[in-house]
Amino acid sequence: MPQSLSKVIIHIIFSAKNREGWLDSDVRPRMHAYLATVCRNLGAELVRVGGVTDHVDIVTTLPRTVSQADFIEEIEKASSKWI
């Protein structure tokens, strides 16, 4: 029986509004841990979450059940609500 395999790795970068430095050193690790959980809950295999005070970098696989636009929208929505 044939099967379809795919593994799309994406690098997502998004910043705070007006590139303001909301993510200081005490908030950043908690935000990164939260975003890692959001990615895993959406079915992605997380590779790395990082960033600095004004932006977040995420390297992850794209789940087969979610479009790229919907995936990024969910991550950005969750991070905005968390902040």
PDB file of N, CA and C in Angstrom:
ATOM      1  N   MET A   1       0.851  -1.175   0.000  1.00  0.00           N
ATOM      2  CA  MET A   1       0.000   0.000   0.000  1.00  0.00           C
ATOM      3  C   MET A   1       0.899   1.242   0.000  1.00  0.00           C
ATOM      4  N   PRO A   2       0.685   2.188  -0.928  1.00  0.00           N
ATOM      5  CA  PRO A   2       1.511   3.386  -0.967  1.00  0.00           C
ATOM      6  C   PRO A   2       1.194   4.315   0.204  1.00  0.00           C
ATOM      7  N   GLN A   3       2.198   5.053   0.592  1.00  0.00           N
ATOM      8  CA  GLN A   3       1.979   6.048   1.637  1.00  0.00           C
ATOM      9  C   GLN A   3       2.720   7.322   1.268  1.00  0.00           C
ATOM     10  N   SER A   4       2.246   8.399   1.800  1.00  0.00           N
ATOM     11  CA  SER A   4       2.837   9.701   1.513  1.00  0.00           C
ATOM     12  C   SER A   4       3.574  10.189   2.745  1.00  0.00           C
ATOM     13  N   LEU A   5       4.821  10.558   2.569  1.00  0.00           N
ATOM     14  CA  LEU A   5       5.626  11.085   3.666  1.00  0.00           C
ATOM     15  C   LEU A   5       6.052  12.503   3.340  1.00  0.00           C
ATOM     16  N   SER A   6       6.041  13.345   4.327  1.00  0.00           N
ATOM     17  CA  SER A   6       6.559  14.699   4.124  1.00  0.00           C
ATOM     18  C   SER A   6       7.072  15.229   5.447  1.00  0.00           C
ATOM     19  N   LYS A   7       8.083  16.066   5.348  1.00  0.00           N
ATOM     20  CA  LYS A   7       8.618  16.736   6.525  1.00  0.00           C
ATOM     21  C   LYS A   7       9.085  18.109   6.070  1.00  0.00           C
ATOM     22  N   VAL A   8       8.294  19.099   6.384  1.00  0.00           N
ATOM     23  CA  VAL A   8       8.599  20.470   6.013  1.00  0.00           C
ATOM     24  C   VAL A   8       9.098  21.186   7.262  1.00  0.00           C
ATOM     25  N   ILE A   9      10.320  21.684   7.198  1.00  0.00           N
ATOM     26  CA  ILE A   9      10.896  22.417   8.328  1.00  0.00           C
ATOM     27  C   ILE A   9      10.790  23.901   8.010  1.00  0.00           C
ATOM     28  N   ILE A  10      10.220  24.656   8.954  1.00  0.00           N
ATOM     29  CA  ILE A  10      10.054  26.093   8.730  1.00  0.00           C
ATOM     30  C   ILE A  10      10.744  26.884   9.837  1.00  0.00           C
ATOM     31  N   HIS A  11      11.203  28.057   9.467  1.00  0.00           N
ATOM     32  CA  HIS A  11      11.804  28.994  10.410  1.00  0.00           C
ATOM     33  C   HIS A  11      10.877  30.200  10.470  1.00  0.00           C
ATOM     34  N   ILE A  12      10.273  30.404  11.630  1.00  0.00           N
ATOM     35  CA  ILE A  12       9.298  31.475  11.824  1.00  0.00           C
ATOM     36  C   ILE A  12       9.955  32.570  12.657  1.00  0.00           C
ATOM     37  N   ILE A  13       9.853  33.791  12.193  1.00  0.00           N
ATOM     38  CA  ILE A  13      10.347  34.942  12.945  1.00  0.00           C
ATOM     39  C   ILE A  13       9.219  35.947  13.015  1.00  0.00           C
ATOM     40  N   PHE A  14       8.870  36.367  14.213  1.00  0.00           N
ATOM     41  CA  PHE A  14       7.898  37.447  14.333  1.00  0.00           C
ATOM     42  C   PHE A  14       8.313  38.354  15.478  1.00  0.00           C
ATOM     43  N   SER A  15       7.942  39.619  15.343  1.00  0.00           N
ATOM     44  CA  SER A  15       8.403  40.617  16.310  1.00  0.00           C
ATOM     45  C   SER A  15       7.235  41.232  17.058  1.00  0.00           C
ATOM     46  N   ALA A  16       7.574  41.891  18.137  1.00  0.00           N
ATOM     47  CA  ALA A  16       6.587  42.648  18.902  1.00  0.00           C
ATOM     48  C   ALA A  16       6.187  43.880  18.097  1.00  0.00           C
ATOM     49  N   LYS A  17       5.041  44.420  18.412  1.00  0.00           N
ATOM     50  CA  LYS A  17       4.563  45.609  17.710  1.00  0.00           C
ATOM     51  C   LYS A  17       5.600  46.721  17.824  1.00  0.00           C
ATOM     52  N   ASN A  18       5.908  47.333  16.694  1.00  0.00           N
ATOM     53  CA  ASN A  18       6.896  48.415  16.606  1.00  0.00           C
ATOM     54  C   ASN A  18       8.281  47.977  17.081  1.00  0.00           C
ATOM     55  N   ARG A  19       8.529  46.661  17.062  1.00  0.00           N
ATOM     56  CA  ARG A  19       9.818  46.085  17.497  1.00  0.00           C
ATOM     57  C   ARG A  19      10.202  46.531  18.906  1.00  0.00           C
ATOM     58  N   GLU A  20       9.190  46.723  19.761  1.00  0.00           N
ATOM     59  CA  GLU A  20       9.455  47.096  21.154  1.00  0.00           C
ATOM     60  C   GLU A  20      10.004  45.893  21.908  1.00  0.00           C
ATOM     61  N   GLY A  21      10.862  46.138  22.883  1.00  0.00           N
ATOM     62  CA  GLY A  21      11.518  45.077  23.629  1.00  0.00           C
ATOM     63  C   GLY A  21      10.699  44.560  24.798  1.00  0.00           C
ATOM     64  N   TRP A  22       9.642  43.811  24.516  1.00  0.00           N
ATOM     65  CA  TRP A  22       8.773  43.267  25.569  1.00  0.00           C
ATOM     66  C   TRP A  22       9.388  42.060  26.258  1.00  0.00           C
ATOM     67  N   LEU A  23      10.264  41.358  25.570  1.00  0.00           N
ATOM     68  CA  LEU A  23      10.762  40.090  26.092  1.00  0.00           C
ATOM     69  C   LEU A  23      12.104  40.267  26.794  1.00  0.00           C
ATOM     70  N   ASP A  24      12.067  40.805  28.002  1.00  0.00           N
ATOM     71  CA  ASP A  24      13.317  40.946  28.744  1.00  0.00           C
ATOM     72  C   ASP A  24      13.762  39.590  29.262  1.00  0.00           C
ATOM     73  N   SER A  25      14.921  39.526  29.867  1.00  0.00           N
ATOM     74  CA  SER A  25      15.557  38.243  30.193  1.00  0.00           C
ATOM     75  C   SER A  25      14.779  37.378  31.180  1.00  0.00           C
ATOM     76  N   ASP A  26      13.912  37.953  32.005  1.00  0.00           N
ATOM     77  CA  ASP A  26      13.138  37.109  32.931  1.00  0.00           C
ATOM     78  C   ASP A  26      11.851  36.581  32.302  1.00  0.00           C
ATOM     79  N   VAL A  27      11.317  37.240  31.283  1.00  0.00           N
ATOM     80  CA  VAL A  27      10.083  36.802  30.609  1.00  0.00           C
ATOM     81  C   VAL A  27      10.394  35.836  29.465  1.00  0.00           C
ATOM     82  N   ARG A  28      11.515  36.036  28.796  1.00  0.00           N
ATOM     83  CA  ARG A  28      11.853  35.286  27.583  1.00  0.00           C
ATOM     84  C   ARG A  28      11.824  33.759  27.763  1.00  0.00           C
ATOM     85  N   PRO A  29      12.451  33.190  28.793  1.00  0.00           N
ATOM     86  CA  PRO A  29      12.420  31.715  28.910  1.00  0.00           C
ATOM     87  C   PRO A  29      11.003  31.157  29.087  1.00  0.00           C
ATOM     88  N   ARG A  30      10.162  31.871  29.819  1.00  0.00           N
ATOM     89  CA  ARG A  30       8.782  31.405  30.005  1.00  0.00           C
ATOM     90  C   ARG A  30       7.991  31.496  28.709  1.00  0.00           C
ATOM     91  N   MET A  31       8.207  32.564  27.943  1.00  0.00           N
ATOM     92  CA  MET A  31       7.538  32.718  26.653  1.00  0.00           C
ATOM     93  C   MET A  31       7.986  31.616  25.692  1.00  0.00           C
ATOM     94  N   HIS A  32       9.273  31.332  25.652  1.00  0.00           N
ATOM     95  CA  HIS A  32       9.787  30.299  24.758  1.00  0.00           C
ATOM     96  C   HIS A  32       9.227  28.927  25.134  1.00  0.00           C
ATOM     97  N   ALA A  33       9.155  28.643  26.411  1.00  0.00           N
ATOM     98  CA  ALA A  33       8.592  27.362  26.858  1.00  0.00           C
ATOM     99  C   ALA A  33       7.116  27.262  26.477  1.00  0.00           C
ATOM    100  N   TYR A  34       6.396  28.358  26.628  1.00  0.00           N
ATOM    101  CA  TYR A  34       4.976  28.369  26.265  1.00  0.00           C
ATOM    102  C   TYR A  34       4.795  28.137  24.765  1.00  0.00           C
ATOM    103  N   LEU A  35       5.600  28.811  23.941  1.00  0.00           N
ATOM    104  CA  LEU A  35       5.492  28.642  22.495  1.00  0.00           C
ATOM    105  C   LEU A  35       5.872  27.227  22.065  1.00  0.00           C
ATOM    106  N   ALA A  36       6.825  26.623  22.759  1.00  0.00           N
ATOM    107  CA  ALA A  36       7.177  25.235  22.470  1.00  0.00           C
ATOM    108  C   ALA A  36       5.980  24.324  22.721  1.00  0.00           C
ATOM    109  N   THR A  37       5.268  24.559  23.803  1.00  0.00           N
ATOM    110  CA  THR A  37       4.080  23.771  24.119  1.00  0.00           C
ATOM    111  C   THR A  37       2.982  23.986  23.080  1.00  0.00           C
ATOM    112  N   VAL A  38       2.798  25.214  22.642  1.00  0.00           N
ATOM    113  CA  VAL A  38       1.789  25.510  21.618  1.00  0.00           C
ATOM    114  C   VAL A  38       2.118  24.752  20.335  1.00  0.00           C
ATOM    115  N   CYS A  39       3.376  24.772  19.925  1.00  0.00           N
ATOM    116  CA  CYS A  39       3.778  24.054  18.703  1.00  0.00           C
ATOM    117  C   CYS A  39       3.511  22.559  18.836  1.00  0.00           C
ATOM    118  N   ARG A  40       3.893  21.989  19.959  1.00  0.00           N
ATOM    119  CA  ARG A  40       3.676  20.553  20.163  1.00  0.00           C
ATOM    120  C   ARG A  40       2.184  20.209  20.176  1.00  0.00           C
ATOM    121  N   ASN A  41       1.376  21.067  20.790  1.00  0.00           N
ATOM    122  CA  ASN A  41      -0.073  20.825  20.829  1.00  0.00           C
ATOM    123  C   ASN A  41      -0.705  20.884  19.443  1.00  0.00           C
ATOM    124  N   LEU A  42      -0.091  21.638  18.542  1.00  0.00           N
ATOM    125  CA  LEU A  42      -0.586  21.715  17.164  1.00  0.00           C
ATOM    126  C   LEU A  42      -0.082  20.550  16.308  1.00  0.00           C
ATOM    127  N   GLY A  43       0.771  19.700  16.880  1.00  0.00           N
ATOM    128  CA  GLY A  43       1.258  18.522  16.165  1.00  0.00           C
ATOM    129  C   GLY A  43       2.597  18.696  15.494  1.00  0.00           C
ATOM    130  N   ALA A  44       3.313  19.741  15.813  1.00  0.00           N
ATOM    131  CA  ALA A  44       4.620  19.993  15.204  1.00  0.00           C
ATOM    132  C   ALA A  44       5.728  19.351  16.030  1.00  0.00           C
ATOM    133  N   GLU A  45       6.831  19.031  15.361  1.00  0.00           N
ATOM    134  CA  GLU A  45       8.039  18.582  16.044  1.00  0.00           C
ATOM    135  C   GLU A  45       8.928  19.810  16.211  1.00  0.00           C
ATOM    136  N   LEU A  46       9.037  20.289  17.407  1.00  0.00           N
ATOM    137  CA  LEU A  46       9.801  21.501  17.664  1.00  0.00           C
ATOM    138  C   LEU A  46      11.292  21.212  17.585  1.00  0.00           C
ATOM    139  N   VAL A  47      12.031  22.077  16.906  1.00  0.00           N
ATOM    140  CA  VAL A  47      13.482  21.969  16.845  1.00  0.00           C
ATOM    141  C   VAL A  47      14.108  22.954  17.820  1.00  0.00           C
ATOM    142  N   ARG A  48      13.671  24.221  17.750  1.00  0.00           N
ATOM    143  CA  ARG A  48      14.279  25.246  18.610  1.00  0.00           C
ATOM    144  C   ARG A  48      13.377  26.471  18.700  1.00  0.00           C
ATOM    145  N   VAL A  49      13.296  27.052  19.898  1.00  0.00           N
ATOM    146  CA  VAL A  49      12.641  28.347  20.111  1.00  0.00           C
ATOM    147  C   VAL A  49      13.678  29.254  20.729  1.00  0.00           C
ATOM    148  N   GLY A  50      13.777  30.463  20.228  1.00  0.00           N
ATOM    149  CA  GLY A  50      14.747  31.416  20.761  1.00  0.00           C
ATOM    150  C   GLY A  50      14.336  32.820  20.394  1.00  0.00           C
ATOM    151  N   GLY A  51      15.246  33.738  20.563  1.00  0.00           N
ATOM    152  CA  GLY A  51      14.985  35.116  20.207  1.00  0.00           C
ATOM    153  C   GLY A  51      15.651  36.073  21.169  1.00  0.00           C
ATOM    154  N   VAL A  52      15.370  37.335  20.979  1.00  0.00           N
ATOM    155  CA  VAL A  52      15.904  38.407  21.824  1.00  0.00           C
ATOM    156  C   VAL A  52      14.741  39.270  22.295  1.00  0.00           C
ATOM    157  N   THR A  53      15.032  40.445  22.805  1.00  0.00           N
ATOM    158  CA  THR A  53      13.994  41.267  23.433  1.00  0.00           C
ATOM    159  C   THR A  53      12.883  41.701  22.491  1.00  0.00           C
ATOM    160  N   ASP A  54      13.160  41.818  21.186  1.00  0.00           N
ATOM    161  CA  ASP A  54      12.130  42.356  20.289  1.00  0.00           C
ATOM    162  C   ASP A  54      11.582  41.363  19.268  1.00  0.00           C
ATOM    163  N   HIS A  55      12.066  40.120  19.264  1.00  0.00           N
ATOM    164  CA  HIS A  55      11.491  39.141  18.341  1.00  0.00           C
ATOM    165  C   HIS A  55      11.714  37.714  18.827  1.00  0.00           C
ATOM    166  N   VAL A  56      10.943  36.799  18.222  1.00  0.00           N
ATOM    167  CA  VAL A  56      11.000  35.377  18.554  1.00  0.00           C
ATOM    168  C   VAL A  56      11.344  34.605  17.283  1.00  0.00           C
ATOM    169  N   ASP A  57      12.227  33.611  17.412  1.00  0.00           N
ATOM    170  CA  ASP A  57      12.574  32.697  16.328  1.00  0.00           C
ATOM    171  C   ASP A  57      12.082  31.298  16.717  1.00  0.00           C
ATOM    172  N   ILE A  58      11.431  30.628  15.787  1.00  0.00           N
ATOM    173  CA  ILE A  58      10.983  29.256  16.011  1.00  0.00           C
ATOM    174  C   ILE A  58      11.389  28.426  14.800  1.00  0.00           C
ATOM    175  N   VAL A  59      12.063  27.311  15.042  1.00  0.00           N
ATOM    176  CA  VAL A  59      12.365  26.347  13.990  1.00  0.00           C
ATOM    177  C   VAL A  59      11.598  25.086  14.352  1.00  0.00           C
ATOM    178  N   THR A  60      10.733  24.663  13.455  1.00  0.00           N
ATOM    179  CA  THR A  60       9.847  23.544  13.737  1.00  0.00           C
ATOM    180  C   THR A  60       9.425  22.871  12.437  1.00  0.00           C
ATOM    181  N   THR A  61       8.823  21.718  12.559  1.00  0.00           N
ATOM    182  CA  THR A  61       8.231  21.088  11.381  1.00  0.00           C
ATOM    183  C   THR A  61       6.799  21.584  11.238  1.00  0.00           C
ATOM    184  N   LEU A  62       6.318  21.550  10.037  1.00  0.00           N
ATOM    185  CA  LEU A  62       4.941  21.943   9.762  1.00  0.00           C
ATOM    186  C   LEU A  62       4.055  20.706   9.867  1.00  0.00           C
ATOM    187  N   PRO A  63       3.064  20.728  10.760  1.00  0.00           N
ATOM    188  CA  PRO A  63       2.170  19.567  10.865  1.00  0.00           C
ATOM    189  C   PRO A  63       1.425  19.341   9.550  1.00  0.00           C
ATOM    190  N   ARG A  64       1.168  18.092   9.215  1.00  0.00           N
ATOM    191  CA  ARG A  64       0.481  17.772   7.954  1.00  0.00           C
ATOM    192  C   ARG A  64      -0.968  18.200   7.964  1.00  0.00           C
ATOM    193  N   THR A  65      -1.549  18.412   9.140  1.00  0.00           N
ATOM    194  CA  THR A  65      -2.985  18.696   9.235  1.00  0.00           C
ATOM    195  C   THR A  65      -3.308  20.182   9.285  1.00  0.00           C
ATOM    196  N   VAL A  66      -2.288  21.045   9.285  1.00  0.00           N
ATOM    197  CA  VAL A  66      -2.496  22.491   9.439  1.00  0.00           C
ATOM    198  C   VAL A  66      -1.752  23.203   8.316  1.00  0.00           C
ATOM    199  N   SER A  67      -2.383  24.211   7.732  1.00  0.00           N
ATOM    200  CA  SER A  67      -1.687  25.000   6.709  1.00  0.00           C
ATOM    201  C   SER A  67      -0.647  25.893   7.377  1.00  0.00           C
ATOM    202  N   GLN A  68       0.320  26.323   6.604  1.00  0.00           N
ATOM    203  CA  GLN A  68       1.374  27.183   7.144  1.00  0.00           C
ATOM    204  C   GLN A  68       0.789  28.470   7.712  1.00  0.00           C
ATOM    205  N   ALA A  69      -0.143  29.080   7.012  1.00  0.00           N
ATOM    206  CA  ALA A  69      -0.752  30.327   7.480  1.00  0.00           C
ATOM    207  C   ALA A  69      -1.513  30.122   8.789  1.00  0.00           C
ATOM    208  N   ASP A  70      -2.282  29.040   8.882  1.00  0.00           N
ATOM    209  CA  ASP A  70      -3.035  28.764  10.111  1.00  0.00           C
ATOM    210  C   ASP A  70      -2.104  28.455  11.276  1.00  0.00           C
ATOM    211  N   PHE A  71      -1.028  27.730  11.002  1.00  0.00           N
ATOM    212  CA  PHE A  71      -0.058  27.382  12.026  1.00  0.00           C
ATOM    213  C   PHE A  71       0.571  28.642  12.628  1.00  0.00           C
ATOM    214  N   ILE A  72       1.037  29.523  11.770  1.00  0.00           N
ATOM    215  CA  ILE A  72       1.668  30.769  12.240  1.00  0.00           C
ATOM    216  C   ILE A  72       0.653  31.652  12.940  1.00  0.00           C
ATOM    217  N   GLU A  73      -0.568  31.708  12.421  1.00  0.00           N
ATOM    218  CA  GLU A  73      -1.614  32.501  13.058  1.00  0.00           C
ATOM    219  C   GLU A  73      -1.877  32.019  14.488  1.00  0.00           C
ATOM    220  N   GLU A  74      -1.953  30.707  14.673  1.00  0.00           N
ATOM    221  CA  GLU A  74      -2.192  30.156  16.014  1.00  0.00           C
ATOM    222  C   GLU A  74      -1.042  30.482  16.968  1.00  0.00           C
ATOM    223  N   ILE A  75       0.175  30.398  16.487  1.00  0.00           N
ATOM    224  CA  ILE A  75       1.341  30.705  17.333  1.00  0.00           C
ATOM    225  C   ILE A  75       1.340  32.178  17.728  1.00  0.00           C
ATOM    226  N   GLU A  76       1.127  33.059  16.756  1.00  0.00           N
ATOM    227  CA  GLU A  76       1.110  34.501  17.062  1.00  0.00           C
ATOM    228  C   GLU A  76      -0.045  34.871  17.980  1.00  0.00           C
ATOM    229  N   LYS A  77      -1.198  34.272  17.757  1.00  0.00           N
ATOM    230  CA  LYS A  77      -2.359  34.543  18.612  1.00  0.00           C
ATOM    231  C   LYS A  77      -2.090  34.111  20.058  1.00  0.00           C
ATOM    232  N   ALA A  78      -1.516  32.930  20.202  1.00  0.00           N
ATOM    233  CA  ALA A  78      -1.221  32.412  21.550  1.00  0.00           C
ATOM    234  C   ALA A  78      -0.187  33.283  22.257  1.00  0.00           C
ATOM    235  N   SER A  79       0.829  33.741  21.526  1.00  0.00           N
ATOM    236  CA  SER A  79       1.857  34.563  22.174  1.00  0.00           C
ATOM    237  C   SER A  79       1.307  35.926  22.573  1.00  0.00           C
ATOM    238  N   SER A  80       0.436  36.493  21.759  1.00  0.00           N
ATOM    239  CA  SER A  80      -0.170  37.782  22.103  1.00  0.00           C
ATOM    240  C   SER A  80      -1.036  37.668  23.352  1.00  0.00           C
ATOM    241  N   LYS A  81      -1.817  36.611  23.435  1.00  0.00           N
ATOM    242  CA  LYS A  81      -2.670  36.412  24.611  1.00  0.00           C
ATOM    243  C   LYS A  81      -1.822  36.174  25.858  1.00  0.00           C
ATOM    244  N   TRP A  82      -0.711  35.458  25.693  1.00  0.00           N
ATOM    245  CA  TRP A  82       0.148  35.161  26.840  1.00  0.00           C
ATOM    246  C   TRP A  82       0.772  36.442  27.397  1.00  0.00           C
ATOM    247  N   ILE A  83       1.230  37.305  26.519  1.00  0.00           N
ATOM    248  CA  ILE A  83       1.832  38.577  26.959  1.00  0.00           C
ATOM    249  C   ILE A  83       0.777  39.433  27.607  1.00  0.00           C
TER     250      ILE A  83
END
